[in-house]
Amino acid sequence: MIVAAAIVFLLMGVGMLKDLSELSLLKSFILLAVISTIMGTILTTVIGNEILNPFRVLNVAMKKLASGDFSVRIELSNHFAAYEFDELTASFNLMAEQLGSVEMLRSDFVNNFSHEFKTPIVSVKGFAKVLKKDELSLAERNEYLDIIINEADRLATLSRNVLSLSKIENQTIITDNNWYDLTEQLRCAILLLENKWQLKHLDLDINLEEIKFFGNEELLNQIWINLIDNAIKFSNDSGQLSIRLMRNQDDIVFEIRDTGIGMSPETQKFMFDKFYQGDTSHSVEGNGIGMTIVRKIVELYKGEIFIDSTLNQGTSIIITLPNQKHR
């Protein structure tokens, strides 16, 4: 009202207002303008806050996420774009959850990698010190030397697998392909691991169709060795192990089935991640690289992997590779 009175006084002073009717009309107009301005300011502030508040919440949450707090979650709401903000909320929370999982896996990767290298080194060092004692019998000395040899082999295998994985991960095109006897390669892989499956007294059921395949023998052999070795490793004593190789119209199909300890859904979810081991106690020998290598090689051949596993009942793994006609 003070502003309105000042405007009226100014207009009367310059002679623009001549009678009271004009004065009354102008006062009403100015009052309406002032009220409109106030209401507009209030509405602009309210609506602006309604629109901007979710972005302020999002900005704070993103800063927490950037600082490494992957537990942050948001709940955005907006009356003007409810669906869009619900989608944004869901997407952000999913991103935070996935980043948290990646961080957890990274931490597990470091811990497992350190464990796999440290354990054999400590073992070798310990038994090497024991061997310095003169009072050891020949039998004891040979036993400790065998342990050192086994641990050295374990380190060599781990180093070889890490190098293989590094090479395969950077590979996009398969080279050195040739036609070879895939069936004979599988027979050799089974025989190579004979000591392991005989030690567990496993009952093997082998059915291999005679198949020639065009591929890199060294790469594909890593698939069979890793899968058969894992099946033996996680089988119970006197269990059954079934190995199949067949050809259908579109694919070469390899299936390996065991009656071992099986896998939980959680283990199946992460089993192809580097250094992931479902057995966190490390009671079963392994380094968590083999299945990562298997999946990468299968992907290079445009194949597929199918897992069917039930805890304490066993696991079935099927590999399919594109069928090729032998020239």
Protein backbone atom coordinates (compact mmCIF):
# COMPACT_ATOMS: atom_id res chain seq x y z
CA MET A 1 0.00 0.00 0.00
CA ILE A 2 2.86 2.36 0.65
CA VAL A 3 4.09 1.76 -2.89
CA ALA A 4 0.57 2.44 -4.28
CA ALA A 5 0.25 5.72 -2.32
CA ALA A 6 3.63 6.90 -3.56
CA ILE A 7 2.64 6.23 -7.18
CA VAL A 8 -0.72 8.11 -6.73
CA PHE A 9 1.01 11.12 -5.15
CA LEU A 10 3.52 11.20 -8.00
CA LEU A 11 0.85 11.08 -10.71
CA MET A 12 -1.21 13.82 -9.02
CA GLY A 13 1.87 15.97 -8.78
CA VAL A 14 2.45 15.88 -12.52
CA GLY A 15 -1.24 16.46 -13.29
CA MET A 16 -2.07 13.05 -14.72
CA LEU A 17 -4.92 12.52 -12.24
CA LYS A 18 -7.75 15.06 -12.44
CA ASP A 19 -10.66 13.65 -10.41
CA LEU A 20 -11.43 11.20 -7.64
CA SER A 21 -12.93 8.55 -9.99
CA GLU A 22 -9.71 8.31 -11.86
CA LEU A 23 -7.88 8.19 -8.55
CA SER A 24 -10.05 5.34 -7.30
CA LEU A 25 -9.59 3.37 -10.52
CA LEU A 26 -5.84 3.81 -10.42
CA LYS A 27 -5.67 2.74 -6.79
CA SER A 28 -7.54 -0.45 -7.63
CA PHE A 29 -5.25 -1.14 -10.56
CA ILE A 30 -2.10 -0.57 -8.53
CA LEU A 31 -3.43 -2.69 -5.67
CA LEU A 32 -4.20 -5.51 -8.07
CA ALA A 33 -0.75 -5.23 -9.59
CA VAL A 34 0.92 -5.36 -6.17
CA ILE A 35 -1.17 -8.35 -5.09
CA SER A 36 -0.41 -10.12 -8.37
CA THR A 37 3.28 -9.45 -7.92
CA ILE A 38 3.26 -10.82 -4.38
CA MET A 39 1.27 -13.88 -5.36
CA GLY A 40 3.50 -14.47 -8.36
CA THR A 41 6.59 -14.26 -6.18
CA ILE A 42 5.14 -16.73 -3.67
CA LEU A 43 4.06 -19.16 -6.39
CA THR A 44 7.42 -18.91 -8.14
CA THR A 45 9.22 -19.65 -4.86
CA VAL A 46 6.98 -22.59 -4.01
CA ILE A 47 7.09 -24.11 -7.48
CA GLY A 48 10.81 -23.44 -7.79
CA ASN A 49 11.47 -25.25 -4.52
CA GLU A 50 9.21 -28.10 -5.61
CA ILE A 51 11.24 -28.52 -8.80
CA LEU A 52 14.71 -27.82 -7.41
CA ASN A 53 14.55 -29.71 -4.09
CA PRO A 54 14.86 -33.17 -5.73
CA PHE A 55 17.91 -31.98 -7.63
CA ARG A 56 19.45 -30.68 -4.40
CA VAL A 57 18.87 -34.09 -2.79
CA LEU A 58 20.36 -35.78 -5.86
CA ASN A 59 23.39 -33.49 -5.81
CA VAL A 60 24.13 -34.30 -2.15
CA ALA A 61 23.71 -38.03 -2.80
CA MET A 62 26.04 -37.92 -5.82
CA LYS A 63 28.72 -36.20 -3.77
CA LYS A 64 28.46 -38.97 -1.15
CA LEU A 65 28.66 -41.58 -3.89
CA ALA A 66 31.73 -39.91 -5.38
CA SER A 67 33.41 -39.97 -1.95
CA GLY A 68 32.97 -43.74 -1.74
CA ASP A 69 29.78 -44.02 0.31
CA PHE A 70 27.92 -46.64 -1.76
CA SER A 71 25.28 -47.14 0.93
CA VAL A 72 23.56 -43.87 0.03
CA ARG A 73 19.98 -44.16 -1.26
CA ILE A 74 17.49 -41.47 -2.30
CA GLU A 75 13.72 -41.06 -2.48
CA LEU A 76 12.84 -38.26 -4.90
CA SER A 77 9.30 -36.92 -5.25
CA ASN A 78 7.80 -34.30 -7.51
CA HIS A 79 4.13 -33.58 -8.19
CA PHE A 80 4.81 -32.17 -11.65
CA ALA A 81 6.79 -35.15 -12.99
CA ALA A 82 6.11 -38.03 -10.62
CA TYR A 83 6.90 -40.84 -13.08
CA GLU A 84 10.16 -39.32 -14.29
CA PHE A 85 11.44 -38.75 -10.75
CA ASP A 86 10.42 -42.26 -9.70
CA GLU A 87 12.48 -43.57 -12.61
CA LEU A 88 15.41 -41.36 -11.63
CA THR A 89 15.18 -42.61 -8.03
CA ALA A 90 15.18 -46.24 -9.11
CA SER A 91 18.09 -45.73 -11.52
CA PHE A 92 20.24 -43.93 -8.97
CA ASN A 93 19.60 -46.50 -6.24
CA LEU A 94 20.37 -49.34 -8.67
CA MET A 95 23.61 -47.61 -9.70
CA ALA A 96 24.63 -47.18 -6.04
CA GLU A 97 23.85 -50.84 -5.34
CA GLN A 98 25.87 -52.03 -8.34
CA LEU A 99 28.82 -49.82 -7.42
CA GLY A 100 28.68 -51.22 -3.90
CA SER A 101 28.81 -54.76 -5.33
CA VAL A 102 31.76 -53.84 -7.55
CA GLU A 103 33.61 -52.39 -4.56
CA MET A 104 32.91 -55.53 -2.55
CA LEU A 105 34.20 -57.72 -5.39
CA ARG A 106 37.28 -55.51 -5.77
CA SER A 107 38.02 -55.91 -2.08
CA ASP A 108 37.48 -59.67 -2.29
CA PHE A 109 39.69 -59.77 -5.40
CA VAL A 110 42.58 -58.14 -3.53
CA ASN A 111 42.12 -60.38 -0.48
CA ASN A 112 41.85 -63.59 -2.50
CA PHE A 113 44.75 -62.69 -4.78
CA SER A 114 46.94 -61.94 -1.75
CA HIS A 115 45.88 -65.16 -0.07
CA GLU A 116 46.56 -67.32 -3.13
CA PHE A 117 50.09 -65.96 -3.50
CA LYS A 118 50.94 -65.65 0.17
CA THR A 119 49.90 -69.15 1.29
CA PRO A 120 52.32 -71.21 -0.86
CA ILE A 121 55.15 -68.74 -0.27
CA VAL A 122 54.74 -69.02 3.51
CA SER A 123 54.54 -72.80 3.20
CA VAL A 124 57.71 -73.02 1.10
CA LYS A 125 59.57 -70.75 3.50
CA GLY A 126 58.46 -72.71 6.55
CA PHE A 127 59.43 -76.14 5.23
CA ALA A 128 62.70 -74.81 3.82
CA LYS A 129 63.63 -73.71 7.35
CA VAL A 130 62.71 -77.12 8.72
CA LEU A 131 64.93 -78.80 6.11
CA LYS A 132 67.97 -77.04 7.61
CA LYS A 133 67.70 -79.27 10.67
CA ASP A 134 70.27 -82.07 10.66
CA GLU A 135 68.19 -84.49 12.76
CA LEU A 136 65.53 -85.01 10.05
CA SER A 137 65.16 -88.53 8.72
CA LEU A 138 65.34 -89.22 5.00
CA ALA A 139 61.60 -89.91 4.89
CA GLU A 140 60.78 -86.61 6.60
CA ARG A 141 63.15 -84.73 4.37
CA ASN A 142 61.57 -86.21 1.24
CA GLU A 143 58.07 -85.46 2.56
CA TYR A 144 58.93 -81.79 3.14
CA LEU A 145 60.60 -81.54 -0.27
CA ASP A 146 57.44 -82.92 -1.89
CA ILE A 147 55.39 -80.26 -0.12
CA ILE A 148 57.74 -77.54 -1.37
CA ILE A 149 57.50 -78.92 -4.92
CA ASN A 150 53.69 -79.01 -4.75
CA GLU A 151 53.52 -75.45 -3.45
CA ALA A 152 55.91 -74.30 -6.16
CA ASP A 153 53.69 -76.00 -8.74
CA ARG A 154 50.70 -74.22 -7.22
CA LEU A 155 52.43 -70.85 -7.61
CA ALA A 156 53.42 -71.68 -11.17
CA THR A 157 49.83 -72.65 -12.02
CA LEU A 158 48.49 -69.44 -10.52
CA SER A 159 51.02 -67.34 -12.43
CA ARG A 160 50.24 -69.20 -15.65
CA ASN A 161 46.49 -68.69 -15.18
CA VAL A 162 46.91 -64.98 -14.46
CA LEU A 163 49.01 -64.57 -17.61
CA SER A 164 46.50 -66.58 -19.65
CA LEU A 165 43.62 -64.49 -18.38
CA SER A 166 45.48 -61.26 -19.12
CA LYS A 167 46.19 -62.44 -22.66
CA ILE A 168 42.63 -63.63 -23.29
CA GLU A 169 40.99 -60.50 -21.88
CA ASN A 170 42.81 -58.35 -24.41
CA GLN A 171 42.00 -60.70 -27.27
CA THR A 172 39.16 -59.98 -29.68
CA ILE A 173 40.08 -62.22 -32.61
CA ILE A 174 41.06 -65.88 -32.34
CA THR A 175 44.20 -66.80 -34.24
CA ASP A 176 45.97 -70.11 -34.98
CA ASN A 177 42.74 -71.93 -35.80
CA ASN A 178 42.91 -75.30 -37.51
CA TRP A 179 40.88 -78.47 -37.91
CA TYR A 180 41.66 -80.98 -35.17
CA ASP A 181 40.16 -83.95 -33.32
CA LEU A 182 38.06 -82.42 -30.54
CA THR A 183 37.02 -85.84 -29.20
CA GLU A 184 40.63 -86.97 -28.80
CA GLN A 185 41.45 -83.70 -27.06
CA LEU A 186 38.73 -84.40 -24.49
CA ARG A 187 39.99 -87.96 -23.96
CA CYS A 188 43.49 -86.59 -23.30
CA ALA A 189 42.11 -84.01 -20.84
CA ILE A 190 40.27 -86.76 -18.92
CA LEU A 191 43.40 -88.92 -18.83
CA LEU A 192 45.53 -85.97 -17.74
CA LEU A 193 43.38 -85.67 -14.62
CA GLU A 194 43.17 -89.43 -14.01
CA ASN A 195 45.07 -89.30 -10.73
CA LYS A 196 42.59 -86.81 -9.31
CA TRP A 197 39.39 -88.67 -10.21
CA GLN A 198 40.86 -92.03 -9.21
CA LEU A 199 41.89 -90.61 -5.85
CA LYS A 200 38.22 -89.76 -5.19
CA HIS A 201 37.02 -93.09 -6.62
CA LEU A 202 34.65 -91.33 -8.99
CA ASP A 203 32.38 -93.32 -11.27
CA LEU A 204 32.87 -91.83 -14.76
CA ASP A 205 30.20 -92.02 -17.45
CA ILE A 206 31.79 -90.85 -20.71
CA ASN A 207 29.95 -90.55 -24.02
CA LEU A 208 31.87 -88.68 -26.72
CA GLU A 209 30.74 -88.34 -30.31
CA GLU A 210 33.59 -88.26 -32.84
CA ILE A 211 33.87 -84.59 -33.84
CA LYS A 212 36.38 -82.49 -35.75
CA PHE A 213 36.48 -78.82 -34.81
CA PHE A 214 38.01 -75.72 -36.36
CA GLY A 215 39.61 -73.74 -33.56
CA ASN A 216 42.63 -72.94 -31.43
CA GLU A 217 43.57 -76.20 -29.68
CA GLU A 218 45.43 -74.52 -26.83
CA LEU A 219 42.58 -72.15 -25.97
CA LEU A 220 39.85 -74.78 -26.15
CA ASN A 221 41.89 -77.22 -24.08
CA GLN A 222 41.79 -74.70 -21.23
CA ILE A 223 37.98 -74.96 -21.23
CA TRP A 224 37.95 -78.75 -20.85
CA ILE A 225 40.76 -78.90 -18.29
CA ASN A 226 39.16 -76.22 -16.10
CA LEU A 227 35.66 -77.70 -16.23
CA ILE A 228 36.72 -81.31 -15.62
CA ASP A 229 39.13 -80.28 -12.87
CA ASN A 230 36.40 -78.26 -11.13
CA ALA A 231 33.91 -81.12 -11.40
CA ILE A 232 36.42 -83.50 -9.78
CA LYS A 233 37.42 -80.95 -7.16
CA PHE A 234 33.87 -80.34 -5.97
CA SER A 235 32.69 -83.96 -6.22
CA ASN A 236 32.21 -86.09 -3.14
CA ASP A 237 34.19 -89.31 -2.75
CA SER A 238 32.67 -92.18 -4.76
CA GLY A 239 30.47 -89.71 -6.61
CA GLN A 240 29.42 -89.80 -10.25
CA LEU A 241 30.84 -87.73 -13.08
CA SER A 242 29.20 -87.63 -16.50
CA ILE A 243 30.90 -86.15 -19.58
CA ARG A 244 29.11 -85.79 -22.92
CA LEU A 245 30.10 -84.44 -26.33
CA MET A 246 27.61 -84.31 -29.20
CA ARG A 247 26.74 -82.41 -32.32
CA ASN A 248 23.30 -81.10 -33.19
CA GLN A 249 22.14 -79.12 -36.19
CA ASP A 250 23.46 -75.77 -35.00
CA ASP A 251 26.02 -76.41 -32.25
CA ILE A 252 28.72 -78.56 -30.74
CA VAL A 253 27.45 -79.41 -27.25
CA PHE A 254 29.68 -80.34 -24.30
CA GLU A 255 28.07 -81.27 -20.99
CA ILE A 256 29.68 -82.16 -17.69
CA ARG A 257 27.56 -83.20 -14.72
CA ASP A 258 28.63 -84.11 -11.20
CA THR A 259 26.89 -85.19 -8.00
CA GLY A 260 29.05 -82.99 -5.78
CA ILE A 261 28.46 -80.14 -3.38
CA GLY A 262 26.66 -77.88 -5.89
CA MET A 263 26.44 -74.10 -5.74
CA SER A 264 24.20 -71.59 -4.04
CA PRO A 265 22.43 -68.93 -6.15
CA GLU A 266 24.88 -66.36 -4.75
CA THR A 267 27.88 -68.39 -5.92
CA GLN A 268 26.35 -68.89 -9.36
CA LYS A 269 25.83 -65.14 -9.65
CA PHE A 270 29.53 -64.35 -9.20
CA MET A 271 31.23 -67.57 -10.33
CA PHE A 272 32.67 -65.99 -13.50
CA ASP A 273 34.23 -63.03 -11.66
CA LYS A 274 38.00 -62.98 -11.32
CA PHE A 275 39.30 -64.61 -8.12
CA TYR A 276 35.78 -65.20 -6.81
CA GLN A 277 35.50 -68.35 -4.72
CA GLY A 278 32.25 -69.55 -3.20
CA ASP A 279 34.30 -71.41 -0.59
CA THR A 280 35.55 -68.45 1.45
CA SER A 281 37.35 -70.81 3.83
CA HIS A 282 39.68 -71.83 0.96
CA SER A 283 39.33 -75.46 2.08
CA VAL A 284 39.21 -76.51 -1.59
CA GLU A 285 42.30 -75.84 -3.68
CA GLY A 286 41.76 -73.22 -6.38
CA ASN A 287 42.45 -69.64 -7.38
CA GLY A 288 39.13 -68.41 -8.78
CA ILE A 289 40.44 -67.76 -12.29
CA GLY A 290 39.48 -70.89 -14.19
CA MET A 291 35.81 -70.10 -14.82
CA THR A 292 36.68 -66.54 -15.86
CA ILE A 293 38.99 -68.00 -18.51
CA VAL A 294 36.32 -70.49 -19.62
CA ARG A 295 33.67 -67.83 -20.13
CA LYS A 296 36.01 -65.50 -22.04
CA ILE A 297 37.09 -68.26 -24.45
CA VAL A 298 33.49 -69.34 -25.02
CA GLU A 299 32.52 -65.72 -25.74
CA LEU A 300 35.39 -65.42 -28.24
CA TYR A 301 33.87 -68.38 -30.11
CA LYS A 302 30.36 -66.84 -29.95
CA GLY A 303 29.26 -69.76 -27.78
CA GLU A 304 27.13 -69.99 -24.66
CA ILE A 305 27.39 -71.40 -21.12
CA PHE A 306 24.44 -72.83 -19.20
CA ILE A 307 24.66 -73.57 -15.47
CA ASP A 308 22.24 -75.76 -13.52
CA SER A 309 23.30 -76.31 -9.92
CA THR A 310 21.63 -77.20 -6.65
CA LEU A 311 23.40 -76.93 -3.32
CA ASN A 312 24.46 -80.34 -1.94
CA GLN A 313 23.11 -82.12 -5.04
CA GLY A 314 25.50 -81.34 -7.87
CA THR A 315 26.18 -79.18 -10.89
CA SER A 316 25.61 -79.43 -14.62
CA ILE A 317 27.48 -77.17 -17.04
CA ILE A 318 26.70 -77.10 -20.76
CA ILE A 319 28.94 -75.40 -23.33
CA THR A 320 27.66 -74.78 -26.84
CA LEU A 321 29.95 -73.73 -29.69
CA PRO A 322 28.84 -72.86 -33.24
CA ASN A 323 28.73 -75.95 -35.44
CA GLN A 324 31.08 -75.98 -38.41
CA LYS A 325 31.24 -78.45 -41.27
CA HIS A 326 34.55 -80.16 -41.76
CA ARG A 327 35.99 -79.23 -45.15
